[in-house]
Amino acid sequence: LSVVSRLPFIQEQLFALFDLVPGLEYCDVQRDPHTNSG
């Protein structure tokens, strides 16, 4: 899945949110330095 937000993500918080669904293998958070979006 691709997850997009107008605000930046915090790795630990986003991982905890999607880990509520069983089977999460990885969560890779990136940030656009120009727009600061998540």
PDB file of all heavy atoms in Angstrom:
ATOM      1  N   LEU A   1       0.826  -1.201   0.000  1.00  0.00           N
ATOM      2  CA  LEU A   1       0.000   0.000   0.000  1.00  0.00           C
ATOM      3  C   LEU A   1       0.863   1.255   0.000  1.00  0.00           C
ATOM      4  O   LEU A   1       1.955   1.267   0.571  1.00  0.00           O
ATOM      5  CB  LEU A   1      -0.901   0.029   1.241  1.00  0.00           C
ATOM      6  CG  LEU A   1      -1.897  -1.118   1.430  1.00  0.00           C
ATOM      7  CD1 LEU A   1      -2.528  -1.029   2.812  1.00  0.00           C
ATOM      8  CD2 LEU A   1      -2.967  -1.094   0.349  1.00  0.00           C
ATOM      9  N   SER A   2       0.336   2.294  -0.634  1.00  0.00           N
ATOM     10  CA  SER A   2       0.941   3.623  -0.564  1.00  0.00           C
ATOM     11  C   SER A   2       0.061   4.480   0.324  1.00  0.00           C
ATOM     12  O   SER A   2      -1.153   4.504   0.173  1.00  0.00           O
ATOM     13  CB  SER A   2       1.024   4.238  -1.970  1.00  0.00           C
ATOM     14  OG  SER A   2       1.279   5.627  -1.890  1.00  0.00           O
ATOM     15  N   VAL A   3       0.687   5.187   1.278  1.00  0.00           N
ATOM     16  CA  VAL A   3      -0.047   6.060   2.194  1.00  0.00           C
ATOM     17  C   VAL A   3       0.489   7.481   2.034  1.00  0.00           C
ATOM     18  O   VAL A   3       1.688   7.714   2.149  1.00  0.00           O
ATOM     19  CB  VAL A   3       0.117   5.610   3.660  1.00  0.00           C
ATOM     20  CG1 VAL A   3      -0.782   6.439   4.575  1.00  0.00           C
ATOM     21  CG2 VAL A   3      -0.201   4.140   3.809  1.00  0.00           C
ATOM     22  N   VAL A   4      -0.418   8.414   1.738  1.00  0.00           N
ATOM     23  CA  VAL A   4      -0.019   9.805   1.503  1.00  0.00           C
ATOM     24  C   VAL A   4      -0.766  10.710   2.469  1.00  0.00           C
ATOM     25  O   VAL A   4      -1.946  10.496   2.768  1.00  0.00           O
ATOM     26  CB  VAL A   4      -0.330  10.222   0.040  1.00  0.00           C
ATOM     27  CG1 VAL A   4       0.087  11.671  -0.199  1.00  0.00           C
ATOM     28  CG2 VAL A   4       0.372   9.291  -0.939  1.00  0.00           C
ATOM     29  N   SER A   5      -0.068  11.742   2.947  1.00  0.00           N
ATOM     30  CA  SER A   5      -0.649  12.700   3.881  1.00  0.00           C
ATOM     31  C   SER A   5      -0.064  14.075   3.605  1.00  0.00           C
ATOM     32  O   SER A   5       1.076  14.194   3.150  1.00  0.00           O
ATOM     33  CB  SER A   5      -0.334  12.273   5.321  1.00  0.00           C
ATOM     34  OG  SER A   5      -0.542  13.333   6.224  1.00  0.00           O
ATOM     35  N   ARG A   6      -0.839  15.120   3.893  1.00  0.00           N
ATOM     36  CA  ARG A   6      -0.291  16.473   3.716  1.00  0.00           C
ATOM     37  C   ARG A   6       0.622  16.853   4.884  1.00  0.00           C
ATOM     38  O   ARG A   6       1.323  17.858   4.827  1.00  0.00           O
ATOM     39  CB  ARG A   6      -1.415  17.497   3.567  1.00  0.00           C
ATOM     40  CG  ARG A   6      -2.383  17.571   4.715  1.00  0.00           C
ATOM     41  CD  ARG A   6      -3.528  18.530   4.412  1.00  0.00           C
ATOM     42  NE  ARG A   6      -4.526  18.535   5.465  1.00  0.00           N
ATOM     43  CZ  ARG A   6      -4.430  19.248   6.583  1.00  0.00           C
ATOM     44  NH1 ARG A   6      -3.368  19.995   6.799  1.00  0.00           N
ATOM     45  NH2 ARG A   6      -5.390  19.205   7.481  1.00  0.00           N
ATOM     46  N   LEU A   7       0.610  16.036   5.952  1.00  0.00           N
ATOM     47  CA  LEU A   7       1.502  16.246   7.089  1.00  0.00           C
ATOM     48  C   LEU A   7       2.525  15.122   7.158  1.00  0.00           C
ATOM     49  O   LEU A   7       2.243  13.995   6.748  1.00  0.00           O
ATOM     50  CB  LEU A   7       0.701  16.288   8.401  1.00  0.00           C
ATOM     51  CG  LEU A   7      -0.312  17.422   8.551  1.00  0.00           C
ATOM     52  CD1 LEU A   7      -1.041  17.288   9.881  1.00  0.00           C
ATOM     53  CD2 LEU A   7       0.367  18.779   8.458  1.00  0.00           C
ATOM     54  N   PRO A   8       3.738  15.379   7.653  1.00  0.00           N
ATOM     55  CA  PRO A   8       4.751  14.317   7.745  1.00  0.00           C
ATOM     56  C   PRO A   8       4.346  13.241   8.745  1.00  0.00           C
ATOM     57  O   PRO A   8       3.617  13.500   9.705  1.00  0.00           O
ATOM     58  CB  PRO A   8       6.003  15.073   8.213  1.00  0.00           C
ATOM     59  CG  PRO A   8       5.486  16.308   8.887  1.00  0.00           C
ATOM     60  CD  PRO A   8       4.238  16.689   8.146  1.00  0.00           C
ATOM     61  N   PHE A   9       4.824  12.019   8.509  1.00  0.00           N
ATOM     62  CA  PHE A   9       4.543  10.897   9.401  1.00  0.00           C
ATOM     63  C   PHE A   9       5.661  10.717  10.426  1.00  0.00           C
ATOM     64  O   PHE A   9       6.814  11.063  10.172  1.00  0.00           O
ATOM     65  CB  PHE A   9       4.433   9.589   8.605  1.00  0.00           C
ATOM     66  CG  PHE A   9       3.247   9.526   7.686  1.00  0.00           C
ATOM     67  CD1 PHE A   9       3.410   9.183   6.346  1.00  0.00           C
ATOM     68  CD2 PHE A   9       1.973   9.787   8.149  1.00  0.00           C
ATOM     69  CE1 PHE A   9       2.332   9.111   5.494  1.00  0.00           C
ATOM     70  CE2 PHE A   9       0.882   9.721   7.305  1.00  0.00           C
ATOM     71  CZ  PHE A   9       1.056   9.383   5.972  1.00  0.00           C
ATOM     72  N   ILE A  10       5.299  10.136  11.554  1.00  0.00           N
ATOM     73  CA  ILE A  10       6.281   9.649  12.518  1.00  0.00           C
ATOM     74  C   ILE A  10       6.309   8.132  12.383  1.00  0.00           C
ATOM     75  O   ILE A  10       5.273   7.471  12.505  1.00  0.00           O
ATOM     76  CB  ILE A  10       5.913  10.058  13.957  1.00  0.00           C
ATOM     77  CG1 ILE A  10       5.912  11.591  14.077  1.00  0.00           C
ATOM     78  CG2 ILE A  10       6.868   9.441  14.967  1.00  0.00           C
ATOM     79  CD1 ILE A  10       5.425  12.107  15.406  1.00  0.00           C
ATOM     80  N   GLN A  11       7.476   7.583  12.091  1.00  0.00           N
ATOM     81  CA  GLN A  11       7.619   6.160  11.773  1.00  0.00           C
ATOM     82  C   GLN A  11       6.927   5.259  12.790  1.00  0.00           C
ATOM     83  O   GLN A  11       6.126   4.404  12.446  1.00  0.00           O
ATOM     84  CB  GLN A  11       9.111   5.801  11.689  1.00  0.00           C
ATOM     85  CG  GLN A  11       9.412   4.313  11.539  1.00  0.00           C
ATOM     86  CD  GLN A  11       9.286   3.817  10.114  1.00  0.00           C
ATOM     87  OE1 GLN A  11       9.514   4.572   9.174  1.00  0.00           O
ATOM     88  NE2 GLN A  11       8.944   2.553   9.949  1.00  0.00           N
ATOM     89  N   GLU A  12       7.215   5.479  14.073  1.00  0.00           N
ATOM     90  CA  GLU A  12       6.690   4.586  15.113  1.00  0.00           C
ATOM     91  C   GLU A  12       5.160   4.658  15.194  1.00  0.00           C
ATOM     92  O   GLU A  12       4.491   3.640  15.374  1.00  0.00           O
ATOM     93  CB  GLU A  12       7.302   4.942  16.482  1.00  0.00           C
ATOM     94  CG  GLU A  12       8.784   4.666  16.606  1.00  0.00           C
ATOM     95  CD  GLU A  12       9.640   5.738  15.928  1.00  0.00           C
ATOM     96  OE1 GLU A  12       9.070   6.777  15.502  1.00  0.00           O
ATOM     97  OE2 GLU A  12      10.846   5.520  15.791  1.00  0.00           O
ATOM     98  N   GLN A  13       4.617   5.865  15.037  1.00  0.00           N
ATOM     99  CA  GLN A  13       3.168   6.014  15.144  1.00  0.00           C
ATOM    100  C   GLN A  13       2.443   5.391  13.957  1.00  0.00           C
ATOM    101  O   GLN A  13       1.418   4.732  14.119  1.00  0.00           O
ATOM    102  CB  GLN A  13       2.807   7.503  15.266  1.00  0.00           C
ATOM    103  CG  GLN A  13       3.264   8.116  16.573  1.00  0.00           C
ATOM    104  CD  GLN A  13       2.921   9.589  16.674  1.00  0.00           C
ATOM    105  OE1 GLN A  13       2.463  10.197  15.715  1.00  0.00           O
ATOM    106  NE2 GLN A  13       3.149  10.170  17.842  1.00  0.00           N
ATOM    107  N   LEU A  14       2.985   5.586  12.751  1.00  0.00           N
ATOM    108  CA  LEU A  14       2.344   5.007  11.570  1.00  0.00           C
ATOM    109  C   LEU A  14       2.438   3.484  11.602  1.00  0.00           C
ATOM    110  O   LEU A  14       1.492   2.769  11.257  1.00  0.00           O
ATOM    111  CB  LEU A  14       2.984   5.549  10.287  1.00  0.00           C
ATOM    112  CG  LEU A  14       2.171   5.285   9.014  1.00  0.00           C
ATOM    113  CD1 LEU A  14       0.893   6.114   9.026  1.00  0.00           C
ATOM    114  CD2 LEU A  14       2.983   5.599   7.770  1.00  0.00           C
ATOM    115  N   PHE A  15       3.586   2.967  12.049  1.00  0.00           N
ATOM    116  CA  PHE A  15       3.744   1.514  12.171  1.00  0.00           C
ATOM    117  C   PHE A  15       2.706   0.954  13.144  1.00  0.00           C
ATOM    118  O   PHE A  15       2.061  -0.063  12.863  1.00  0.00           O
ATOM    119  CB  PHE A  15       5.158   1.174  12.662  1.00  0.00           C
ATOM    120  CG  PHE A  15       5.437  -0.308  12.749  1.00  0.00           C
ATOM    121  CD1 PHE A  15       6.033  -0.979  11.693  1.00  0.00           C
ATOM    122  CD2 PHE A  15       5.092  -1.038  13.880  1.00  0.00           C
ATOM    123  CE1 PHE A  15       6.282  -2.338  11.766  1.00  0.00           C
ATOM    124  CE2 PHE A  15       5.335  -2.396  13.960  1.00  0.00           C
ATOM    125  CZ  PHE A  15       5.932  -3.048  12.898  1.00  0.00           C
ATOM    126  N   ALA A  16       2.542   1.621  14.284  1.00  0.00           N
ATOM    127  CA  ALA A  16       1.577   1.149  15.287  1.00  0.00           C
ATOM    128  C   ALA A  16       0.158   1.169  14.732  1.00  0.00           C
ATOM    129  O   ALA A  16      -0.634   0.268  15.016  1.00  0.00           O
ATOM    130  CB  ALA A  16       1.668   2.017  16.540  1.00  0.00           C
ATOM    131  N   LEU A  17      -0.167   2.185  13.912  1.00  0.00           N
ATOM    132  CA  LEU A  17      -1.508   2.294  13.334  1.00  0.00           C
ATOM    133  C   LEU A  17      -1.792   1.144  12.374  1.00  0.00           C
ATOM    134  O   LEU A  17      -2.825   0.473  12.469  1.00  0.00           O
ATOM    135  CB  LEU A  17      -1.653   3.634  12.607  1.00  0.00           C
ATOM    136  CG  LEU A  17      -2.994   3.900  11.909  1.00  0.00           C
ATOM    137  CD1 LEU A  17      -4.125   3.960  12.928  1.00  0.00           C
ATOM    138  CD2 LEU A  17      -2.927   5.193  11.105  1.00  0.00           C
ATOM    139  N   PHE A  18      -0.870   0.864  11.457  1.00  0.00           N
ATOM    140  CA  PHE A  18      -1.106  -0.184  10.466  1.00  0.00           C
ATOM    141  C   PHE A  18      -0.844  -1.586  11.028  1.00  0.00           C
ATOM    142  O   PHE A  18      -1.306  -2.574  10.458  1.00  0.00           O
ATOM    143  CB  PHE A  18      -0.252   0.069   9.218  1.00  0.00           C
ATOM    144  CG  PHE A  18      -0.853   1.095   8.294  1.00  0.00           C
ATOM    145  CD1 PHE A  18      -0.678   2.442   8.522  1.00  0.00           C
ATOM    146  CD2 PHE A  18      -1.641   0.716   7.213  1.00  0.00           C
ATOM    147  CE1 PHE A  18      -1.260   3.400   7.701  1.00  0.00           C
ATOM    148  CE2 PHE A  18      -2.227   1.652   6.377  1.00  0.00           C
ATOM    149  CZ  PHE A  18      -2.034   2.999   6.626  1.00  0.00           C
ATOM    150  N   ASP A  19      -0.152  -1.673  12.150  1.00  0.00           N
ATOM    151  CA  ASP A  19       0.085  -2.973  12.786  1.00  0.00           C
ATOM    152  C   ASP A  19      -1.170  -3.481  13.498  1.00  0.00           C
ATOM    153  O   ASP A  19      -1.211  -4.627  13.941  1.00  0.00           O
ATOM    154  CB  ASP A  19       1.241  -2.859  13.789  1.00  0.00           C
ATOM    155  CG  ASP A  19       1.763  -4.228  14.227  1.00  0.00           C
ATOM    156  OD1 ASP A  19       1.820  -5.147  13.378  1.00  0.00           O
ATOM    157  OD2 ASP A  19       2.106  -4.382  15.414  1.00  0.00           O
ATOM    158  N   LEU A  20      -2.219  -2.642  13.591  1.00  0.00           N
ATOM    159  CA  LEU A  20      -3.497  -3.106  14.140  1.00  0.00           C
ATOM    160  C   LEU A  20      -4.117  -4.168  13.242  1.00  0.00           C
ATOM    161  O   LEU A  20      -4.905  -4.997  13.691  1.00  0.00           O
ATOM    162  CB  LEU A  20      -4.470  -1.931  14.275  1.00  0.00           C
ATOM    163  CG  LEU A  20      -4.109  -0.891  15.348  1.00  0.00           C
ATOM    164  CD1 LEU A  20      -5.029   0.310  15.248  1.00  0.00           C
ATOM    165  CD2 LEU A  20      -4.189  -1.496  16.733  1.00  0.00           C
ATOM    166  N   VAL A  21      -3.749  -4.154  11.956  1.00  0.00           N
ATOM    167  CA  VAL A  21      -4.185  -5.200  11.030  1.00  0.00           C
ATOM    168  C   VAL A  21      -3.115  -6.284  11.013  1.00  0.00           C
ATOM    169  O   VAL A  21      -1.941  -5.988  10.809  1.00  0.00           O
ATOM    170  CB  VAL A  21      -4.383  -4.631   9.609  1.00  0.00           C
ATOM    171  CG1 VAL A  21      -4.770  -5.735   8.634  1.00  0.00           C
ATOM    172  CG2 VAL A  21      -5.440  -3.532   9.620  1.00  0.00           C
ATOM    173  N   PRO A  22      -3.467  -7.544  11.241  1.00  0.00           N
ATOM    174  CA  PRO A  22      -2.469  -8.618  11.296  1.00  0.00           C
ATOM    175  C   PRO A  22      -1.694  -8.757   9.995  1.00  0.00           C
ATOM    176  O   PRO A  22      -2.224  -8.531   8.909  1.00  0.00           O
ATOM    177  CB  PRO A  22      -3.317  -9.874  11.546  1.00  0.00           C
ATOM    178  CG  PRO A  22      -4.597  -9.375  12.112  1.00  0.00           C
ATOM    179  CD  PRO A  22      -4.836  -8.036  11.490  1.00  0.00           C
ATOM    180  N   GLY A  23      -0.416  -9.134  10.131  1.00  0.00           N
ATOM    181  CA  GLY A  23       0.383  -9.474   8.955  1.00  0.00           C
ATOM    182  C   GLY A  23       1.259  -8.356   8.428  1.00  0.00           C
ATOM    183  O   GLY A  23       1.814  -8.474   7.326  1.00  0.00           O
ATOM    184  N   LEU A  24       1.445  -7.263   9.189  1.00  0.00           N
ATOM    185  CA  LEU A  24       2.306  -6.173   8.720  1.00  0.00           C
ATOM    186  C   LEU A  24       3.749  -6.652   8.617  1.00  0.00           C
ATOM    187  O   LEU A  24       4.313  -7.164   9.579  1.00  0.00           O
ATOM    188  CB  LEU A  24       2.215  -4.979   9.672  1.00  0.00           C
ATOM    189  CG  LEU A  24       3.053  -3.756   9.290  1.00  0.00           C
ATOM    190  CD1 LEU A  24       2.585  -3.156   7.970  1.00  0.00           C
ATOM    191  CD2 LEU A  24       3.015  -2.706  10.388  1.00  0.00           C
ATOM    192  N   GLU A  25       4.344  -6.500   7.425  1.00  0.00           N
ATOM    193  CA  GLU A  25       5.724  -6.921   7.217  1.00  0.00           C
ATOM    194  C   GLU A  25       6.702  -5.753   7.347  1.00  0.00           C
ATOM    195  O   GLU A  25       7.758  -5.893   7.940  1.00  0.00           O
ATOM    196  CB  GLU A  25       5.883  -7.585   5.842  1.00  0.00           C
ATOM    197  CG  GLU A  25       5.179  -8.933   5.755  1.00  0.00           C
ATOM    198  CD  GLU A  25       5.492  -9.666   4.465  1.00  0.00           C
ATOM    199  OE1 GLU A  25       5.841  -9.006   3.458  1.00  0.00           O
ATOM    200  OE2 GLU A  25       5.396 -10.910   4.468  1.00  0.00           O
ATOM    201  N   TYR A  26       6.373  -4.616   6.753  1.00  0.00           N
ATOM    202  CA  TYR A  26       7.219  -3.447   6.955  1.00  0.00           C
ATOM    203  C   TYR A  26       6.458  -2.152   6.690  1.00  0.00           C
ATOM    204  O   TYR A  26       5.429  -2.134   6.012  1.00  0.00           O
ATOM    205  CB  TYR A  26       8.492  -3.513   6.115  1.00  0.00           C
ATOM    206  CG  TYR A  26       8.318  -3.325   4.627  1.00  0.00           C
ATOM    207  CD1 TYR A  26       8.132  -2.064   4.055  1.00  0.00           C
ATOM    208  CD2 TYR A  26       8.380  -4.423   3.767  1.00  0.00           C
ATOM    209  CE1 TYR A  26       7.994  -1.908   2.686  1.00  0.00           C
ATOM    210  CE2 TYR A  26       8.239  -4.271   2.396  1.00  0.00           C
ATOM    211  CZ  TYR A  26       8.054  -2.999   1.864  1.00  0.00           C
ATOM    212  OH  TYR A  26       7.915  -2.847   0.506  1.00  0.00           O
ATOM    213  N   CYS A  27       6.990  -1.075   7.261  1.00  0.00           N
ATOM    214  CA  CYS A  27       6.433   0.272   7.102  1.00  0.00           C
ATOM    215  C   CYS A  27       7.601   1.206   6.840  1.00  0.00           C
ATOM    216  O   CYS A  27       8.434   1.421   7.714  1.00  0.00           O
ATOM    217  CB  CYS A  27       5.682   0.674   8.377  1.00  0.00           C
ATOM    218  SG  CYS A  27       5.185   2.413   8.422  1.00  0.00           S
ATOM    219  N   ASP A  28       7.677   1.743   5.636  1.00  0.00           N
ATOM    220  CA  ASP A  28       8.787   2.596   5.228  1.00  0.00           C
ATOM    221  C   ASP A  28       8.279   4.026   5.043  1.00  0.00           C
ATOM    222  O   ASP A  28       7.542   4.322   4.102  1.00  0.00           O
ATOM    223  CB  ASP A  28       9.404   2.071   3.921  1.00  0.00           C
ATOM    224  CG  ASP A  28      10.573   2.917   3.462  1.00  0.00           C
ATOM    225  OD1 ASP A  28      11.180   3.587   4.323  1.00  0.00           O
ATOM    226  OD2 ASP A  28      10.886   2.910   2.263  1.00  0.00           O
ATOM    227  N   VAL A  29       8.646   4.906   5.975  1.00  0.00           N
ATOM    228  CA  VAL A  29       8.182   6.296   5.944  1.00  0.00           C
ATOM    229  C   VAL A  29       9.210   7.176   5.233  1.00  0.00           C
ATOM    230  O   VAL A  29      10.405   7.096   5.507  1.00  0.00           O
ATOM    231  CB  VAL A  29       7.944   6.823   7.371  1.00  0.00           C
ATOM    232  CG1 VAL A  29       7.703   8.329   7.367  1.00  0.00           C
ATOM    233  CG2 VAL A  29       6.753   6.111   7.996  1.00  0.00           C
ATOM    234  N   GLN A  30       8.717   8.012   4.304  1.00  0.00           N
ATOM    235  CA  GLN A  30       9.574   8.953   3.590  1.00  0.00           C
ATOM    236  C   GLN A  30       8.983  10.349   3.709  1.00  0.00           C
ATOM    237  O   GLN A  30       7.806  10.505   4.016  1.00  0.00           O
ATOM    238  CB  GLN A  30       9.694   8.551   2.109  1.00  0.00           C
ATOM    239  CG  GLN A  30      10.245   7.143   1.923  1.00  0.00           C
ATOM    240  CD  GLN A  30      10.156   6.685   0.483  1.00  0.00           C
ATOM    241  OE1 GLN A  30       9.845   7.459  -0.398  1.00  0.00           O
ATOM    242  NE2 GLN A  30      10.430   5.407   0.259  1.00  0.00           N
ATOM    243  N   ARG A  31       9.814  11.367   3.466  1.00  0.00           N
ATOM    244  CA  ARG A  31       9.335  12.743   3.574  1.00  0.00           C
ATOM    245  C   ARG A  31       9.853  13.555   2.396  1.00  0.00           C
ATOM    246  O   ARG A  31      11.028  13.471   2.040  1.00  0.00           O
ATOM    247  CB  ARG A  31       9.795  13.363   4.889  1.00  0.00           C
ATOM    248  CG  ARG A  31       9.306  14.803   5.098  1.00  0.00           C
ATOM    249  CD  ARG A  31       9.763  15.394   6.407  1.00  0.00           C
ATOM    250  NE  ARG A  31       9.257  14.651   7.546  1.00  0.00           N
ATOM    251  CZ  ARG A  31       9.488  14.998   8.810  1.00  0.00           C
ATOM    252  NH1 ARG A  31      10.218  16.068   9.080  1.00  0.00           N
ATOM    253  NH2 ARG A  31       8.996  14.280   9.803  1.00  0.00           N
ATOM    254  N   ASP A  32       8.949  14.330   1.816  1.00  0.00           N
ATOM    255  CA  ASP A  32       9.329  15.221   0.731  1.00  0.00           C
ATOM    256  C   ASP A  32       9.909  16.499   1.351  1.00  0.00           C
ATOM    257  O   ASP A  32       9.199  17.241   2.027  1.00  0.00           O
ATOM    258  CB  ASP A  32       8.104  15.563  -0.119  1.00  0.00           C
ATOM    259  CG  ASP A  32       8.463  16.364  -1.365  1.00  0.00           C
ATOM    260  OD1 ASP A  32       9.456  17.114  -1.315  1.00  0.00           O
ATOM    261  OD2 ASP A  32       7.749  16.234  -2.379  1.00  0.00           O
ATOM    262  N   PRO A  33      11.212  16.784   1.145  1.00  0.00           N
ATOM    263  CA  PRO A  33      11.828  17.960   1.788  1.00  0.00           C
ATOM    264  C   PRO A  33      11.267  19.288   1.284  1.00  0.00           C
ATOM    265  O   PRO A  33      11.391  20.314   1.942  1.00  0.00           O
ATOM    266  CB  PRO A  33      13.311  17.810   1.419  1.00  0.00           C
ATOM    267  CG  PRO A  33      13.313  16.988   0.178  1.00  0.00           C
ATOM    268  CD  PRO A  33      12.151  16.049   0.303  1.00  0.00           C
ATOM    269  N   HIS A  34      10.631  19.281   0.111  1.00  0.00           N
ATOM    270  CA  HIS A  34      10.122  20.516  -0.469  1.00  0.00           C
ATOM    271  C   HIS A  34       8.712  20.846   0.019  1.00  0.00           C
ATOM    272  O   HIS A  34       8.390  22.000   0.291  1.00  0.00           O
ATOM    273  CB  HIS A  34      10.136  20.423  -2.001  1.00  0.00           C
ATOM    274  CG  HIS A  34      11.502  20.130  -2.563  1.00  0.00           C
ATOM    275  ND1 HIS A  34      12.547  21.025  -2.486  1.00  0.00           N
ATOM    276  CD2 HIS A  34      11.994  19.023  -3.184  1.00  0.00           C
ATOM    277  CE1 HIS A  34      13.622  20.505  -3.045  1.00  0.00           C
ATOM    278  NE2 HIS A  34      13.307  19.284  -3.475  1.00  0.00           N
ATOM    279  N   THR A  35       7.863  19.828   0.152  1.00  0.00           N
ATOM    280  CA  THR A  35       6.475  20.072   0.558  1.00  0.00           C
ATOM    281  C   THR A  35       6.202  19.704   2.005  1.00  0.00           C
ATOM    282  O   THR A  35       5.183  20.066   2.568  1.00  0.00           O
ATOM    283  CB  THR A  35       5.516  19.257  -0.329  1.00  0.00           C
ATOM    284  OG1 THR A  35       5.752  17.850  -0.099  1.00  0.00           O
ATOM    285  CG2 THR A  35       5.739  19.570  -1.799  1.00  0.00           C
ATOM    286  N   ASN A  36       7.112  18.944   2.624  1.00  0.00           N
ATOM    287  CA  ASN A  36       6.955  18.476   4.006  1.00  0.00           C
ATOM    288  C   ASN A  36       5.754  17.547   4.178  1.00  0.00           C
ATOM    289  O   ASN A  36       5.269  17.333   5.286  1.00  0.00           O
ATOM    290  CB  ASN A  36       6.817  19.659   4.975  1.00  0.00           C
ATOM    291  CG  ASN A  36       7.263  19.281   6.385  1.00  0.00           C
ATOM    292  OD1 ASN A  36       8.228  18.527   6.554  1.00  0.00           O
ATOM    293  ND2 ASN A  36       6.573  19.772   7.390  1.00  0.00           N
ATOM    294  N   SER A  37       5.239  17.008   3.071  1.00  0.00           N
ATOM    295  CA  SER A  37       4.119  16.077   3.162  1.00  0.00           C
ATOM    296  C   SER A  37       4.629  14.694   3.545  1.00  0.00           C
ATOM    297  O   SER A  37       5.835  14.417   3.488  1.00  0.00           O
ATOM    298  CB  SER A  37       3.375  16.012   1.823  1.00  0.00           C
ATOM    299  OG  SER A  37       4.252  15.598   0.794  1.00  0.00           O
ATOM    300  N   GLY A  38       3.710  13.838   3.953  1.00  0.00           N
ATOM    301  CA  GLY A  38       4.090  12.500   4.382  1.00  0.00           C
ATOM    302  C   GLY A  38       3.832  11.466   3.300  1.00  0.00           C
ATOM    303  O   GLY A  38       2.834  11.536   2.574  1.00  0.00           O
TER     304      GLY A  38
END
